């Protein structure tokens, strides 16, 4: 699940960097935009790890490998 999310983030970053802009952006605006966009990434990763932890616990209790099914 984490690798899938990282792949999506990398793909979106390459799409953004692949487009060429003719106008040069203000560095302060770019910095604030990047901070806004990256604010939720640590929380997303934490939630994904918690989800995987609960799936692993459920797999142990039910003796079914849910990680191969769900993720």
PDB file of N, CA and C in Angstrom:
ATOM      1  N   UNK A   1       0.828  -1.183   0.000  1.00  0.00           N
ATOM      2  CA  UNK A   1       0.000   0.000   0.000  1.00  0.00           C
ATOM      3  C   UNK A   1       0.875   1.251   0.000  1.00  0.00           C
ATOM      4  N   UNK A   2       1.924   1.225   0.811  1.00  0.00           N
ATOM      5  CA  UNK A   2       2.820   2.381   0.851  1.00  0.00           C
ATOM      6  C   UNK A   2       3.537   2.571  -0.473  1.00  0.00           C
ATOM      7  N   UNK A   3       3.944   1.474  -1.078  1.00  0.00           N
ATOM      8  CA  UNK A   3       4.638   1.600  -2.356  1.00  0.00           C
ATOM      9  C   UNK A   3       3.703   2.154  -3.425  1.00  0.00           C
ATOM     10  N   UNK A   4       2.432   1.791  -3.347  1.00  0.00           N
ATOM     11  CA  UNK A   4       1.455   2.307  -4.300  1.00  0.00           C
ATOM     12  C   UNK A   4       1.289   3.820  -4.128  1.00  0.00           C
ATOM     13  N   UNK A   5       1.222   4.272  -2.883  1.00  0.00           N
ATOM     14  CA  UNK A   5       1.070   5.709  -2.625  1.00  0.00           C
ATOM     15  C   UNK A   5       2.318   6.471  -3.059  1.00  0.00           C
ATOM     16  N   UNK A   6       3.484   5.889  -2.808  1.00  0.00           N
ATOM     17  CA  UNK A   6       4.718   6.548  -3.240  1.00  0.00           C
ATOM     18  C   UNK A   6       4.791   6.646  -4.755  1.00  0.00           C
ATOM     19  N   UNK A   7       4.330   5.601  -5.432  1.00  0.00           N
ATOM     20  CA  UNK A   7       4.329   5.608  -6.888  1.00  0.00           C
ATOM     21  C   UNK A   7       3.407   6.712  -7.418  1.00  0.00           C
ATOM     22  N   UNK A   8       2.262   6.872  -6.785  1.00  0.00           N
ATOM     23  CA  UNK A   8       1.323   7.925  -7.199  1.00  0.00           C
ATOM     24  C   UNK A   8       1.940   9.298  -6.973  1.00  0.00           C
ATOM     25  N   UNK A   9       2.599   9.491  -5.828  1.00  0.00           N
ATOM     26  CA  UNK A   9       3.234  10.783  -5.551  1.00  0.00           C
ATOM     27  C   UNK A   9       4.346  11.079  -6.549  1.00  0.00           C
ATOM     28  N   UNK A  10       5.152  10.076  -6.862  1.00  0.00           N
ATOM     29  CA  UNK A  10       6.237  10.278  -7.816  1.00  0.00           C
ATOM     30  C   UNK A  10       5.691  10.580  -9.208  1.00  0.00           C
ATOM     31  N   UNK A  11       4.625   9.909  -9.594  1.00  0.00           N
ATOM     32  CA  UNK A  11       4.035  10.144 -10.904  1.00  0.00           C
ATOM     33  C   UNK A  11       3.470  11.563 -11.000  1.00  0.00           C
ATOM     34  N   UNK A  12       2.839  12.026  -9.924  1.00  0.00           N
ATOM     35  CA  UNK A  12       2.281  13.378  -9.959  1.00  0.00           C
ATOM     36  C   UNK A  12       3.395  14.422  -9.978  1.00  0.00           C
ATOM     37  N   UNK A  13       4.499  14.140  -9.305  1.00  0.00           N
ATOM     38  CA  UNK A  13       5.617  15.084  -9.307  1.00  0.00           C
ATOM     39  C   UNK A  13       6.274  15.142 -10.680  1.00  0.00           C
ATOM     40  N   UNK A  14       6.409  14.017 -11.363  1.00  0.00           N
ATOM     41  CA  UNK A  14       7.021  14.034 -12.685  1.00  0.00           C
ATOM     42  C   UNK A  14       6.104  14.717 -13.690  1.00  0.00           C
ATOM     43  N   UNK A  15       4.792  14.571 -13.518  1.00  0.00           N
ATOM     44  CA  UNK A  15       3.860  15.254 -14.411  1.00  0.00           C
ATOM     45  C   UNK A  15       3.938  16.768 -14.224  1.00  0.00           C
ATOM     46  N   UNK A  16       4.088  17.193 -12.976  1.00  0.00           N
ATOM     47  CA  UNK A  16       4.172  18.625 -12.718  1.00  0.00           C
ATOM     48  C   UNK A  16       5.490  19.197 -13.211  1.00  0.00           C
ATOM     49  N   UNK A  17       6.575  18.450 -13.019  1.00  0.00           N
ATOM     50  CA  UNK A  17       7.876  18.964 -13.428  1.00  0.00           C
ATOM     51  C   UNK A  17       8.075  18.841 -14.934  1.00  0.00           C
ATOM     52  N   UNK A  18       7.321  17.969 -15.587  1.00  0.00           N
ATOM     53  CA  UNK A  18       7.462  17.771 -17.023  1.00  0.00           C
ATOM     54  C   UNK A  18       6.883  18.910 -17.847  1.00  0.00           C
ATOM     55  N   UNK A  19       5.944  19.640 -17.291  1.00  0.00           N
ATOM     56  CA  UNK A  19       5.350  20.749 -18.028  1.00  0.00           C
ATOM     57  C   UNK A  19       6.241  21.971 -17.902  1.00  0.00           C
ATOM     58  N   UNK A  20       6.428  22.650 -19.007  1.00  0.00           N
ATOM     59  CA  UNK A  20       7.288  23.838 -19.007  1.00  0.00           C
ATOM     60  C   UNK A  20       6.420  25.092 -18.915  1.00  0.00           C
ATOM     61  N   UNK A  21       6.835  25.979 -18.060  1.00  0.00           N
ATOM     62  CA  UNK A  21       6.129  27.251 -17.918  1.00  0.00           C
ATOM     63  C   UNK A  21       6.993  28.347 -18.515  1.00  0.00           C
ATOM     64  N   UNK A  22       6.376  29.227 -19.237  1.00  0.00           N
ATOM     65  CA  UNK A  22       7.099  30.330 -19.852  1.00  0.00           C
ATOM     66  C   UNK A  22       7.343  31.441 -18.838  1.00  0.00           C
ATOM     67  N   UNK A  23       6.466  31.553 -17.869  1.00  0.00           N
ATOM     68  CA  UNK A  23       6.566  32.613 -16.887  1.00  0.00           C
ATOM     69  C   UNK A  23       7.253  32.077 -15.631  1.00  0.00           C
ATOM     70  N   UNK A  24       8.193  32.834 -15.114  1.00  0.00           N
ATOM     71  CA  UNK A  24       8.912  32.416 -13.916  1.00  0.00           C
ATOM     72  C   UNK A  24       8.069  32.765 -12.691  1.00  0.00           C
ATOM     73  N   UNK A  25       7.905  31.763 -11.811  1.00  0.00           N
ATOM     74  CA  UNK A  25       7.064  31.940 -10.636  1.00  0.00           C
ATOM     75  C   UNK A  25       7.845  32.594  -9.503  1.00  0.00           C
ATOM     76  N   UNK A  26       7.103  33.239  -8.630  1.00  0.00           N
ATOM     77  CA  UNK A  26       7.689  33.876  -7.458  1.00  0.00           C
ATOM     78  C   UNK A  26       8.151  32.788  -6.486  1.00  0.00           C
ATOM     79  N   UNK A  27       9.397  32.828  -6.037  1.00  0.00           N
ATOM     80  CA  UNK A  27       9.905  31.777  -5.139  1.00  0.00           C
ATOM     81  C   UNK A  27       9.118  31.661  -3.828  1.00  0.00           C
ATOM     82  N   UNK A  28       8.660  32.787  -3.300  1.00  0.00           N
ATOM     83  CA  UNK A  28       7.892  32.742  -2.057  1.00  0.00           C
ATOM     84  C   UNK A  28       6.554  32.040  -2.268  1.00  0.00           C
ATOM     85  N   UNK A  29       5.912  32.302  -3.396  1.00  0.00           N
ATOM     86  CA  UNK A  29       4.650  31.623  -3.701  1.00  0.00           C
ATOM     87  C   UNK A  29       4.866  30.131  -3.914  1.00  0.00           C
ATOM     88  N   UNK A  30       5.949  29.782  -4.584  1.00  0.00           N
ATOM     89  CA  UNK A  30       6.244  28.367  -4.814  1.00  0.00           C
ATOM     90  C   UNK A  30       6.516  27.657  -3.494  1.00  0.00           C
ATOM     91  N   UNK A  31       7.228  28.302  -2.597  1.00  0.00           N
ATOM     92  CA  UNK A  31       7.540  27.696  -1.303  1.00  0.00           C
ATOM     93  C   UNK A  31       6.266  27.470  -0.499  1.00  0.00           C
ATOM     94  N   UNK A  32       5.385  28.446  -0.481  1.00  0.00           N
ATOM     95  CA  UNK A  32       4.138  28.299   0.271  1.00  0.00           C
ATOM     96  C   UNK A  32       3.242  27.233  -0.358  1.00  0.00           C
ATOM     97  N   UNK A  33       3.257  27.137  -1.678  1.00  0.00           N
ATOM     98  CA  UNK A  33       2.463  26.106  -2.362  1.00  0.00           C
ATOM     99  C   UNK A  33       2.977  24.714  -2.010  1.00  0.00           C
ATOM    100  N   UNK A  34       4.286  24.543  -2.013  1.00  0.00           N
ATOM    101  CA  UNK A  34       4.885  23.245  -1.680  1.00  0.00           C
ATOM    102  C   UNK A  34       4.575  22.873  -0.233  1.00  0.00           C
ATOM    103  N   UNK A  35       4.663  23.832   0.675  1.00  0.00           N
ATOM    104  CA  UNK A  35       4.352  23.556   2.075  1.00  0.00           C
ATOM    105  C   UNK A  35       2.889  23.157   2.249  1.00  0.00           C
ATOM    106  N   UNK A  36       1.993  23.798   1.522  1.00  0.00           N
ATOM    107  CA  UNK A  36       0.577  23.438   1.587  1.00  0.00           C
ATOM    108  C   UNK A  36       0.349  22.028   1.070  1.00  0.00           C
ATOM    109  N   UNK A  37       1.002  21.685  -0.044  1.00  0.00           N
ATOM    110  CA  UNK A  37       0.789  20.375  -0.655  1.00  0.00           C
ATOM    111  C   UNK A  37       1.392  19.248   0.164  1.00  0.00           C
ATOM    112  N   UNK A  38       2.491  19.492   0.846  1.00  0.00           N
ATOM    113  CA  UNK A  38       3.167  18.423   1.575  1.00  0.00           C
ATOM    114  C   UNK A  38       2.740  18.322   3.036  1.00  0.00           C
ATOM    115  N   UNK A  39       1.852  19.164   3.466  1.00  0.00           N
ATOM    116  CA  UNK A  39       1.437  19.163   4.863  1.00  0.00           C
ATOM    117  C   UNK A  39       0.749  17.860   5.253  1.00  0.00           C
ATOM    118  N   UNK A  40      -0.017  17.258   4.367  1.00  0.00           N
ATOM    119  CA  UNK A  40      -0.828  16.101   4.705  1.00  0.00           C
ATOM    120  C   UNK A  40      -0.139  14.763   4.433  1.00  0.00           C
ATOM    121  N   UNK A  41       1.026  14.768   3.835  1.00  0.00           N
ATOM    122  CA  UNK A  41       1.712  13.523   3.493  1.00  0.00           C
ATOM    123  C   UNK A  41       2.101  12.720   4.732  1.00  0.00           C
ATOM    124  N   UNK A  42       2.688  13.302   5.780  1.00  0.00           N
ATOM    125  CA  UNK A  42       3.010  12.492   6.954  1.00  0.00           C
ATOM    126  C   UNK A  42       1.774  11.868   7.608  1.00  0.00           C
ATOM    127  N   UNK A  43       0.673  12.597   7.655  1.00  0.00           N
ATOM    128  CA  UNK A  43      -0.558  12.057   8.231  1.00  0.00           C
ATOM    129  C   UNK A  43      -1.094  10.911   7.373  1.00  0.00           C
ATOM    130  N   UNK A  44      -1.002  11.051   6.064  1.00  0.00           N
ATOM    131  CA  UNK A  44      -1.439   9.991   5.161  1.00  0.00           C
ATOM    132  C   UNK A  44      -0.619   8.724   5.373  1.00  0.00           C
ATOM    133  N   UNK A  45       0.681   8.859   5.475  1.00  0.00           N
ATOM    134  CA  UNK A  45       1.550   7.696   5.687  1.00  0.00           C
ATOM    135  C   UNK A  45       1.250   7.050   7.038  1.00  0.00           C
ATOM    136  N   UNK A  46       1.023   7.862   8.067  1.00  0.00           N
ATOM    137  CA  UNK A  46       0.682   7.314   9.380  1.00  0.00           C
ATOM    138  C   UNK A  46      -0.616   6.519   9.315  1.00  0.00           C
ATOM    139  N   UNK A  47      -1.631   7.066   8.656  1.00  0.00           N
ATOM    140  CA  UNK A  47      -2.918   6.373   8.550  1.00  0.00           C
ATOM    141  C   UNK A  47      -2.783   5.072   7.770  1.00  0.00           C
ATOM    142  N   UNK A  48      -1.968   5.066   6.733  1.00  0.00           N
ATOM    143  CA  UNK A  48      -1.760   3.844   5.961  1.00  0.00           C
ATOM    144  C   UNK A  48      -1.053   2.782   6.795  1.00  0.00           C
ATOM    145  N   UNK A  49      -0.090   3.189   7.594  1.00  0.00           N
ATOM    146  CA  UNK A  49       0.610   2.235   8.460  1.00  0.00           C
ATOM    147  C   UNK A  49      -0.326   1.679   9.528  1.00  0.00           C
ATOM    148  N   UNK A  50      -1.193   2.517  10.069  1.00  0.00           N
ATOM    149  CA  UNK A  50      -2.166   2.039  11.046  1.00  0.00           C
ATOM    150  C   UNK A  50      -3.126   1.034  10.411  1.00  0.00           C
ATOM    151  N   UNK A  51      -3.557   1.326   9.195  1.00  0.00           N
ATOM    152  CA  UNK A  51      -4.439   0.420   8.468  1.00  0.00           C
ATOM    153  C   UNK A  51      -3.769  -0.936   8.262  1.00  0.00           C
ATOM    154  N   UNK A  52      -2.518  -0.920   7.833  1.00  0.00           N
ATOM    155  CA  UNK A  52      -1.789  -2.169   7.628  1.00  0.00           C
ATOM    156  C   UNK A  52      -1.608  -2.923   8.936  1.00  0.00           C
ATOM    157  N   UNK A  53      -1.378  -2.211  10.020  1.00  0.00           N
ATOM    158  CA  UNK A  53      -1.222  -2.847  11.326  1.00  0.00           C
ATOM    159  C   UNK A  53      -2.499  -3.583  11.720  1.00  0.00           C
ATOM    160  N   UNK A  54      -3.660  -2.941  11.519  1.00  0.00           N
ATOM    161  CA  UNK A  54      -4.919  -3.574  11.866  1.00  0.00           C
ATOM    162  C   UNK A  54      -5.230  -4.760  10.952  1.00  0.00           C
ATOM    163  N   UNK A  55      -4.847  -4.665   9.693  1.00  0.00           N
ATOM    164  CA  UNK A  55      -5.041  -5.783   8.773  1.00  0.00           C
ATOM    165  C   UNK A  55      -4.181  -6.972   9.199  1.00  0.00           C
ATOM    166  N   UNK A  56      -2.961  -6.702   9.637  1.00  0.00           N
ATOM    167  CA  UNK A  56      -2.074  -7.773  10.110  1.00  0.00           C
ATOM    168  C   UNK A  56      -2.651  -8.425  11.368  1.00  0.00           C
ATOM    169  N   UNK A  57      -3.163  -7.613  12.292  1.00  0.00           N
ATOM    170  CA  UNK A  57      -3.773  -8.162  13.499  1.00  0.00           C
ATOM    171  C   UNK A  57      -4.985  -9.024  13.154  1.00  0.00           C
ATOM    172  N   UNK A  58      -5.792  -8.556  12.230  1.00  0.00           N
ATOM    173  CA  UNK A  58      -6.957  -9.322  11.802  1.00  0.00           C
ATOM    174  C   UNK A  58      -6.538 -10.629  11.141  1.00  0.00           C
ATOM    175  N   UNK A  59      -5.483 -10.581  10.375  1.00  0.00           N
ATOM    176  CA  UNK A  59      -4.974 -11.787   9.721  1.00  0.00           C
ATOM    177  C   UNK A  59      -4.504 -12.807  10.748  1.00  0.00           C
ATOM    178  N   UNK A  60      -3.840 -12.348  11.797  1.00  0.00           N
ATOM    179  CA  UNK A  60      -3.374 -13.265  12.839  1.00  0.00           C
ATOM    180  C   UNK A  60      -4.544 -13.910  13.572  1.00  0.00           C
ATOM    181  N   UNK A  61      -5.577 -13.123  13.851  1.00  0.00           N
ATOM    182  CA  UNK A  61      -6.720 -13.656  14.585  1.00  0.00           C
ATOM    183  C   UNK A  61      -7.550 -14.614  13.742  1.00  0.00           C
ATOM    184  N   UNK A  62      -7.703 -14.331  12.476  1.00  0.00           N
ATOM    185  CA  UNK A  62      -8.554 -15.165  11.625  1.00  0.00           C
ATOM    186  C   UNK A  62      -7.779 -16.232  10.854  1.00  0.00           C
ATOM    187  N   UNK A  63      -6.459 -16.153  10.894  1.00  0.00           N
ATOM    188  CA  UNK A  63      -5.573 -17.091  10.185  1.00  0.00           C
ATOM    189  C   UNK A  63      -5.827 -17.090   8.675  1.00  0.00           C
ATOM    190  N   UNK A  64      -6.159 -15.926   8.154  1.00  0.00           N
ATOM    191  CA  UNK A  64      -6.323 -15.707   6.711  1.00  0.00           C
ATOM    192  C   UNK A  64      -5.372 -14.578   6.324  1.00  0.00           C
ATOM    193  N   UNK A  65      -4.653 -14.732   5.234  1.00  0.00           N
ATOM    194  CA  UNK A  65      -3.690 -13.715   4.821  1.00  0.00           C
ATOM    195  C   UNK A  65      -4.405 -12.583   4.076  1.00  0.00           C
ATOM    196  N   UNK A  66      -4.881 -11.622   4.839  1.00  0.00           N
ATOM    197  CA  UNK A  66      -5.620 -10.501   4.242  1.00  0.00           C
ATOM    198  C   UNK A  66      -4.707  -9.529   3.507  1.00  0.00           C
ATOM    199  N   UNK A  67      -3.436  -9.484   3.857  1.00  0.00           N
ATOM    200  CA  UNK A  67      -2.526  -8.561   3.177  1.00  0.00           C
ATOM    201  C   UNK A  67      -2.428  -8.880   1.696  1.00  0.00           C
ATOM    202  N   UNK A  68      -2.465 -10.153   1.352  1.00  0.00           N
ATOM    203  CA  UNK A  68      -2.389 -10.509  -0.072  1.00  0.00           C
ATOM    204  C   UNK A  68      -3.713 -10.250  -0.775  1.00  0.00           C
ATOM    205  N   UNK A  69      -4.801 -10.248  -0.025  1.00  0.00           N
ATOM    206  CA  UNK A  69      -6.117 -10.040  -0.620  1.00  0.00           C
ATOM    207  C   UNK A  69      -6.454  -8.554  -0.729  1.00  0.00           C
ATOM    208  N   UNK A  70      -6.242  -7.818   0.345  1.00  0.00           N
ATOM    209  CA  UNK A  70      -6.684  -6.417   0.421  1.00  0.00           C
ATOM    210  C   UNK A  70      -5.697  -5.480  -0.244  1.00  0.00           C
ATOM    211  N   UNK A  71      -4.444  -5.639   0.062  1.00  0.00           N
ATOM    212  CA  UNK A  71      -3.463  -4.647  -0.391  1.00  0.00           C
ATOM    213  C   UNK A  71      -2.910  -5.007  -1.732  1.00  0.00           C
TER     214      UNK A  71
END
